[in-house]
N, C-alpha and C. Protein backbone atom coordinates (compact mmCIF):
# COMPACT_ATOMS: atom_id res chain seq x y z
N MET A 1 293.03 225.48 74.80
CA MET A 1 292.53 226.33 75.55
C MET A 1 293.02 226.19 77.16
N GLN A 2 293.10 227.46 77.48
CA GLN A 2 292.81 227.41 78.44
C GLN A 2 292.43 227.29 79.94
N SER A 3 292.48 227.01 81.40
CA SER A 3 291.65 226.92 82.19
C SER A 3 291.21 228.51 82.44
N LEU A 4 290.08 228.52 82.88
CA LEU A 4 289.45 230.05 83.99
C LEU A 4 290.82 230.26 84.90
N ARG A 5 291.52 229.47 85.90
CA ARG A 5 292.30 229.96 86.66
C ARG A 5 293.28 230.18 86.10
N HIS A 6 293.87 229.78 84.99
CA HIS A 6 295.34 229.88 84.21
C HIS A 6 295.04 231.43 83.78
N GLN A 7 293.64 231.55 83.16
CA GLN A 7 293.46 233.02 82.56
C GLN A 7 293.39 234.04 83.81
N ARG A 8 292.84 233.70 84.66
CA ARG A 8 293.15 234.83 86.07
C ARG A 8 294.17 235.14 86.82
N VAL A 9 294.87 233.64 86.37
CA VAL A 9 296.57 234.25 87.16
C VAL A 9 297.39 235.18 86.33
N ARG A 10 296.97 234.76 84.69
CA ARG A 10 297.74 235.80 84.09
C ARG A 10 297.47 236.84 84.17
N GLU A 11 296.29 237.29 83.99
CA GLU A 11 295.93 238.93 84.11
C GLU A 11 296.39 239.27 85.50
N LEU A 12 296.30 238.47 86.66
CA LEU A 12 296.56 239.37 87.99
C LEU A 12 298.26 239.55 87.77
N LEU A 13 299.09 238.40 87.57
CA LEU A 13 300.39 238.82 87.32
C LEU A 13 300.55 240.08 86.00
N LYS A 14 299.91 239.97 85.32
CA LYS A 14 300.21 241.27 84.19
C LYS A 14 300.21 242.57 84.90
N ARG A 15 298.72 242.17 85.55
CA ARG A 15 298.09 243.81 86.43
C ARG A 15 299.66 244.04 87.76
N GLU A 16 299.61 242.65 88.29
CA GLU A 16 300.90 243.20 89.31
C GLU A 16 302.13 243.50 89.11
N ILE A 17 302.52 242.76 88.16
CA ILE A 17 304.18 243.07 87.40
C ILE A 17 304.46 244.38 86.69
N GLY A 18 303.24 245.39 86.21
CA GLY A 18 303.01 246.06 85.62
C GLY A 18 303.24 247.28 86.77
N GLU A 19 302.41 247.22 87.62
CA GLU A 19 302.26 247.81 89.12
C GLU A 19 303.65 247.78 89.81
N VAL A 20 304.42 247.00 89.79
CA VAL A 20 305.70 246.71 90.83
C VAL A 20 306.53 247.55 89.32
N ILE A 21 306.59 247.44 88.48
CA ILE A 21 307.21 248.00 87.15
C ILE A 21 307.25 249.56 87.67
N ARG A 22 306.24 249.73 87.36
CA ARG A 22 305.77 251.53 87.51
C ARG A 22 306.30 252.13 88.80
N ARG A 23 306.07 251.14 90.10
CA ARG A 23 306.78 252.01 91.25
C ARG A 23 308.14 251.89 91.41
N GLU A 24 309.10 250.99 90.82
CA GLU A 24 310.34 250.45 91.42
C GLU A 24 310.59 251.14 90.11
N ILE A 25 311.21 251.02 88.77
CA ILE A 25 311.91 251.81 87.79
C ILE A 25 311.62 252.94 87.43
N PRO A 26 312.46 254.00 87.47
CA PRO A 26 312.13 255.30 87.27
C PRO A 26 312.17 255.53 85.67
N VAL A 27 310.98 255.82 85.18
CA VAL A 27 310.81 256.72 83.40
C VAL A 27 312.21 257.06 83.24
N ARG A 28 312.47 258.47 84.11
CA ARG A 28 313.57 259.29 83.46
C ARG A 28 314.57 258.15 82.39
N ASP A 29 315.15 256.93 83.51
CA ASP A 29 316.12 255.84 83.08
C ASP A 29 315.59 255.34 82.01
N ALA A 30 314.66 254.42 81.99
CA ALA A 30 314.21 253.74 81.33
C ALA A 30 313.51 253.37 80.95
N GLY A 31 312.67 254.91 80.17
CA GLY A 31 311.55 254.83 79.55
C GLY A 31 310.48 254.72 80.09
N LEU A 32 309.32 254.35 79.35
CA LEU A 32 307.90 254.42 80.00
C LEU A 32 307.50 252.77 79.37
N ILE A 33 307.74 252.27 80.67
CA ILE A 33 307.70 249.94 80.30
C ILE A 33 306.44 250.16 80.97
N THR A 34 305.75 249.22 79.28
CA THR A 34 304.44 248.49 79.93
C THR A 34 303.97 247.23 79.54
N VAL A 35 303.50 246.36 80.41
CA VAL A 35 303.48 244.98 80.37
C VAL A 35 302.25 244.76 79.28
N ASN A 36 302.54 244.32 78.33
CA ASN A 36 301.72 243.75 77.12
C ASN A 36 300.95 242.68 77.36
N ASP A 37 301.56 241.67 77.91
CA ASP A 37 300.89 240.29 78.11
C ASP A 37 301.98 239.48 78.92
N VAL A 38 301.27 238.44 79.58
CA VAL A 38 302.05 237.69 80.34
C VAL A 38 301.63 236.11 79.79
N ALA A 39 303.24 235.25 79.52
CA ALA A 39 302.30 233.65 79.31
C ALA A 39 302.58 232.99 80.23
N VAL A 40 301.60 232.25 80.85
CA VAL A 40 302.18 231.05 82.08
C VAL A 40 302.09 229.82 81.99
N SER A 41 303.17 229.18 82.07
CA SER A 41 303.29 227.87 81.88
C SER A 41 302.06 226.81 82.64
N GLY A 42 302.20 226.16 81.94
CA GLY A 42 300.97 225.22 82.48
C GLY A 42 300.97 224.95 84.03
N ASP A 43 302.33 224.72 84.60
CA ASP A 43 302.58 224.39 85.88
C ASP A 43 302.55 225.33 86.78
N LEU A 44 302.14 226.74 85.94
CA LEU A 44 302.49 228.08 86.95
C LEU A 44 303.74 228.30 87.44
N GLN A 45 304.95 227.56 87.12
CA GLN A 45 305.50 227.95 87.73
C GLN A 45 307.01 229.40 86.99
N SER A 46 306.49 229.35 85.93
CA SER A 46 307.22 230.36 85.13
C SER A 46 306.30 230.92 84.25
N ALA A 47 307.08 232.37 83.78
CA ALA A 47 305.90 233.18 83.09
C ALA A 47 307.14 234.08 82.14
N THR A 48 306.34 234.43 81.32
CA THR A 48 306.92 235.45 80.19
C THR A 48 306.78 236.28 80.11
N VAL A 49 306.85 237.74 80.24
CA VAL A 49 306.37 238.62 80.75
C VAL A 49 306.97 239.49 79.05
N PHE A 50 305.75 239.37 78.24
CA PHE A 50 306.09 240.60 76.99
C PHE A 50 305.81 242.32 77.69
N VAL A 51 306.79 242.88 76.88
CA VAL A 51 307.22 244.59 77.64
C VAL A 51 307.48 244.93 76.46
N GLY A 52 306.47 246.19 76.85
CA GLY A 52 306.57 247.42 75.45
C GLY A 52 307.95 248.75 76.20
N ILE A 53 308.88 249.17 75.50
CA ILE A 53 309.58 250.08 75.96
C ILE A 53 309.26 251.51 75.23
N ILE A 54 308.65 252.28 75.73
CA ILE A 54 308.50 253.84 75.02
C ILE A 54 309.59 254.82 75.59
N GLY A 55 310.22 255.19 74.40
CA GLY A 55 311.51 255.90 75.23
C GLY A 55 312.46 256.50 73.74
N THR A 56 313.72 257.13 74.09
CA THR A 56 314.75 257.04 73.09
C THR A 56 315.15 255.69 73.13
N ALA A 57 316.15 255.53 72.09
CA ALA A 57 316.48 254.17 71.82
C ALA A 57 317.74 253.91 73.21
N GLU A 58 318.16 254.73 73.67
CA GLU A 58 319.07 254.40 74.97
C GLU A 58 318.25 254.09 76.20
N GLN A 59 317.06 254.90 76.46
CA GLN A 59 316.01 254.57 77.26
C GLN A 59 315.63 252.82 76.84
N GLN A 60 315.34 252.72 75.76
CA GLN A 60 314.58 251.62 75.66
C GLN A 60 315.91 250.29 76.14
N ARG A 61 317.36 250.69 75.52
CA ARG A 61 318.29 249.44 75.95
C ARG A 61 318.66 249.65 77.75
N ASN A 62 318.19 250.74 78.23
CA ASN A 62 318.60 251.10 79.57
C ASN A 62 317.24 250.08 80.56
N GLY A 63 316.18 250.47 80.02
CA GLY A 63 315.06 249.87 80.24
C GLY A 63 315.36 248.28 80.38
N PHE A 64 315.55 247.49 79.14
CA PHE A 64 315.60 246.47 79.45
C PHE A 64 316.69 245.68 79.62
N GLU A 65 318.01 245.78 80.04
CA GLU A 65 318.91 245.90 81.05
C GLU A 65 318.23 245.94 82.33
N THR A 66 317.61 247.21 82.59
CA THR A 66 317.46 246.88 84.15
C THR A 66 316.23 246.15 84.27
N LEU A 67 315.34 245.85 83.48
CA LEU A 67 314.55 244.60 83.68
C LEU A 67 315.24 243.24 84.25
N GLY A 68 316.62 243.07 83.54
CA GLY A 68 317.07 242.19 83.27
C GLY A 68 317.73 241.69 85.12
N LYS A 69 318.51 243.03 85.15
CA LYS A 69 319.08 242.94 86.61
C LYS A 69 318.23 243.28 87.72
N GLU A 70 317.06 243.62 87.61
CA GLU A 70 315.76 243.59 88.68
C GLU A 70 314.96 242.60 88.96
N ARG A 71 315.26 241.62 87.91
CA ARG A 71 314.31 240.75 87.49
C ARG A 71 313.66 240.10 89.13
N LEU A 72 314.89 239.26 89.69
CA LEU A 72 314.54 238.80 91.08
C LEU A 72 313.87 239.50 92.06
N ARG A 73 314.35 240.88 92.05
CA ARG A 73 313.51 241.72 92.74
C ARG A 73 312.17 242.28 92.52
N ILE A 74 311.61 241.96 91.34
CA ILE A 74 310.57 242.08 90.53
C ILE A 74 309.77 240.94 91.23
N GLN A 75 310.40 239.97 90.95
CA GLN A 75 309.52 238.98 91.05
C GLN A 75 309.33 238.54 92.84
N GLY A 76 310.40 238.88 93.26
CA GLY A 76 310.03 238.75 95.04
C GLY A 76 308.70 239.59 95.26
N LEU A 77 308.75 240.94 95.08
CA LEU A 77 307.69 242.07 95.06
C LEU A 77 306.03 241.49 94.62
N VAL A 78 306.74 240.57 93.72
CA VAL A 78 305.24 240.02 93.03
C VAL A 78 304.47 239.02 93.38
N GLY A 79 306.07 238.47 94.10
CA GLY A 79 305.50 237.08 95.35
C GLY A 79 304.78 237.51 96.61
N HIS A 80 304.90 238.43 96.97
CA HIS A 80 304.63 239.27 98.27
C HIS A 80 302.64 239.55 97.67
N ALA A 81 302.96 240.13 96.60
CA ALA A 81 301.62 240.70 96.59
C ALA A 81 300.56 239.68 95.79
N VAL A 82 301.12 238.40 95.00
CA VAL A 82 300.12 237.62 94.77
C VAL A 82 300.35 235.91 95.54
N VAL A 83 299.35 235.56 95.85
CA VAL A 83 299.22 234.55 96.39
C VAL A 83 299.27 233.35 95.75
N LEU A 84 300.08 232.67 95.77
CA LEU A 84 300.09 231.59 94.92
C LEU A 84 301.40 230.15 95.63
N LYS A 85 300.99 229.22 95.24
CA LYS A 85 301.68 228.12 95.92
C LYS A 85 303.27 228.51 95.32
N TYR A 86 303.58 228.58 94.23
CA TYR A 86 304.64 228.76 93.51
C TYR A 86 304.82 230.42 92.94
N THR A 87 305.79 231.29 93.22
CA THR A 87 306.16 232.37 92.56
C THR A 87 306.47 231.97 91.13
N PRO A 88 305.95 232.38 89.90
CA PRO A 88 306.75 231.91 88.99
C PRO A 88 307.72 232.69 88.64
N LYS A 89 308.72 232.32 88.13
CA LYS A 89 310.24 232.72 87.38
C LYS A 89 309.69 233.41 86.39
N LEU A 90 310.10 234.72 86.74
CA LEU A 90 309.87 235.67 85.51
C LEU A 90 311.13 235.98 83.99
N ARG A 91 310.67 235.76 82.99
CA ARG A 91 311.45 236.25 82.05
C ARG A 91 310.96 237.20 80.92
N PHE A 92 311.73 238.21 80.96
CA PHE A 92 311.26 239.42 80.19
C PHE A 92 311.28 238.86 78.76
N VAL A 93 310.56 239.29 78.01
CA VAL A 93 310.99 239.71 76.57
C VAL A 93 310.72 240.82 75.78
N LEU A 94 311.05 241.79 75.38
CA LEU A 94 310.97 242.93 74.33
C LEU A 94 309.85 242.50 73.19
N ASP A 95 308.47 243.12 73.57
CA ASP A 95 307.57 243.04 72.75
C ASP A 95 307.41 244.44 71.95
N ASP A 96 307.50 244.22 70.98
CA ASP A 96 307.61 245.60 69.72
C ASP A 96 306.75 245.14 68.53
N SER A 97 305.14 244.45 69.03
CA SER A 97 303.94 244.43 68.02
C SER A 97 303.28 245.69 68.40
N VAL A 98 303.25 246.35 69.22
CA VAL A 98 302.53 247.90 69.35
C VAL A 98 303.20 248.79 68.07
N GLU A 99 304.66 248.74 67.98
CA GLU A 99 305.33 249.64 67.14
C GLU A 99 304.99 249.02 65.95
N ARG A 100 304.95 247.98 65.18
CA ARG A 100 304.71 247.25 64.29
C ARG A 100 303.32 247.61 63.85
N GLY A 101 302.56 247.38 64.78
CA GLY A 101 300.74 247.56 64.66
C GLY A 101 300.55 249.36 63.34
N ASN A 102 301.53 250.33 64.91
CA ASN A 102 301.66 251.44 64.42
C ASN A 102 302.41 251.59 62.80
N ARG A 103 303.09 250.94 62.75
CA ARG A 103 303.71 250.95 61.36
C ARG A 103 302.47 250.50 60.21
N VAL A 104 302.29 249.71 60.43
CA VAL A 104 300.78 249.10 59.39
C VAL A 104 300.06 249.95 59.30
N LEU A 105 299.18 250.75 60.55
CA LEU A 105 298.16 251.62 60.57
C LEU A 105 299.19 252.95 59.33
N LYS A 106 300.13 253.27 59.51
CA LYS A 106 301.09 254.30 59.16
C LYS A 106 300.61 253.93 57.12
N ILE A 107 301.16 253.11 56.71
CA ILE A 107 301.09 252.46 55.42
C ILE A 107 299.58 252.59 55.00
N ILE A 108 298.97 252.05 55.78
CA ILE A 108 297.43 251.92 55.13
C ILE A 108 296.82 253.64 54.83
N GLU A 109 297.33 254.22 55.92
CA GLU A 109 296.90 255.57 55.67
C GLU A 109 297.70 256.02 54.20
N GLU A 110 298.95 256.15 54.13
CA GLU A 110 299.22 256.29 53.09
C GLU A 110 299.23 255.62 51.58
N ILE A 111 298.37 254.61 51.80
CA ILE A 111 297.94 253.72 50.93
C ILE A 111 296.25 254.47 50.28
N GLU A 112 295.73 254.49 51.48
CA GLU A 112 294.47 255.38 51.28
C GLU A 112 294.64 256.82 50.79
N ARG A 113 295.61 257.52 51.14
CA ARG A 113 295.90 258.80 50.66
C ARG A 113 296.19 259.08 49.02
N SER A 114 297.24 257.98 48.90
CA SER A 114 297.41 257.69 47.35
C SER A 114 296.41 257.50 46.39
N ARG A 115 295.29 256.43 46.83
CA ARG A 115 293.89 256.20 46.13
C ARG A 115 292.85 257.60 46.06
N SER A 116 292.97 258.50 47.41
CA SER A 116 291.84 259.36 47.00
C SER A 116 292.12 260.42 46.36
N PRO A 117 291.17 260.79 45.07
CA PRO A 117 291.15 261.81 44.16
C PRO A 117 291.73 263.05 44.89
N SER A 118 292.91 263.76 44.64
CA SER A 118 293.37 265.05 45.09
C SER A 118 291.94 266.37 45.14
């Protein structure tokens, strides 16, 4: 179980990384990038950022490439906004859990429609 401090740092990083991405990366080129979750190591020196990208396939590809290219700049901006002893090293991972959830809901709706009498 994570400590209260660890949970607070996770939420703070999630909010601040999302804000930096919103400000710095244009939606037109990279799609809408959302920060779904942040997993922080026990020593708070590294963080895995789970992102979802809404847009065309090209926008999703461009968005993920942009995150990789801009990782150090994003990390620096987060470091200025969040006061910690060490700024965590960020690693971006594409999170498709929202997409999978929508697919499951669609399947459930189809099953319910097929069961209900016409």
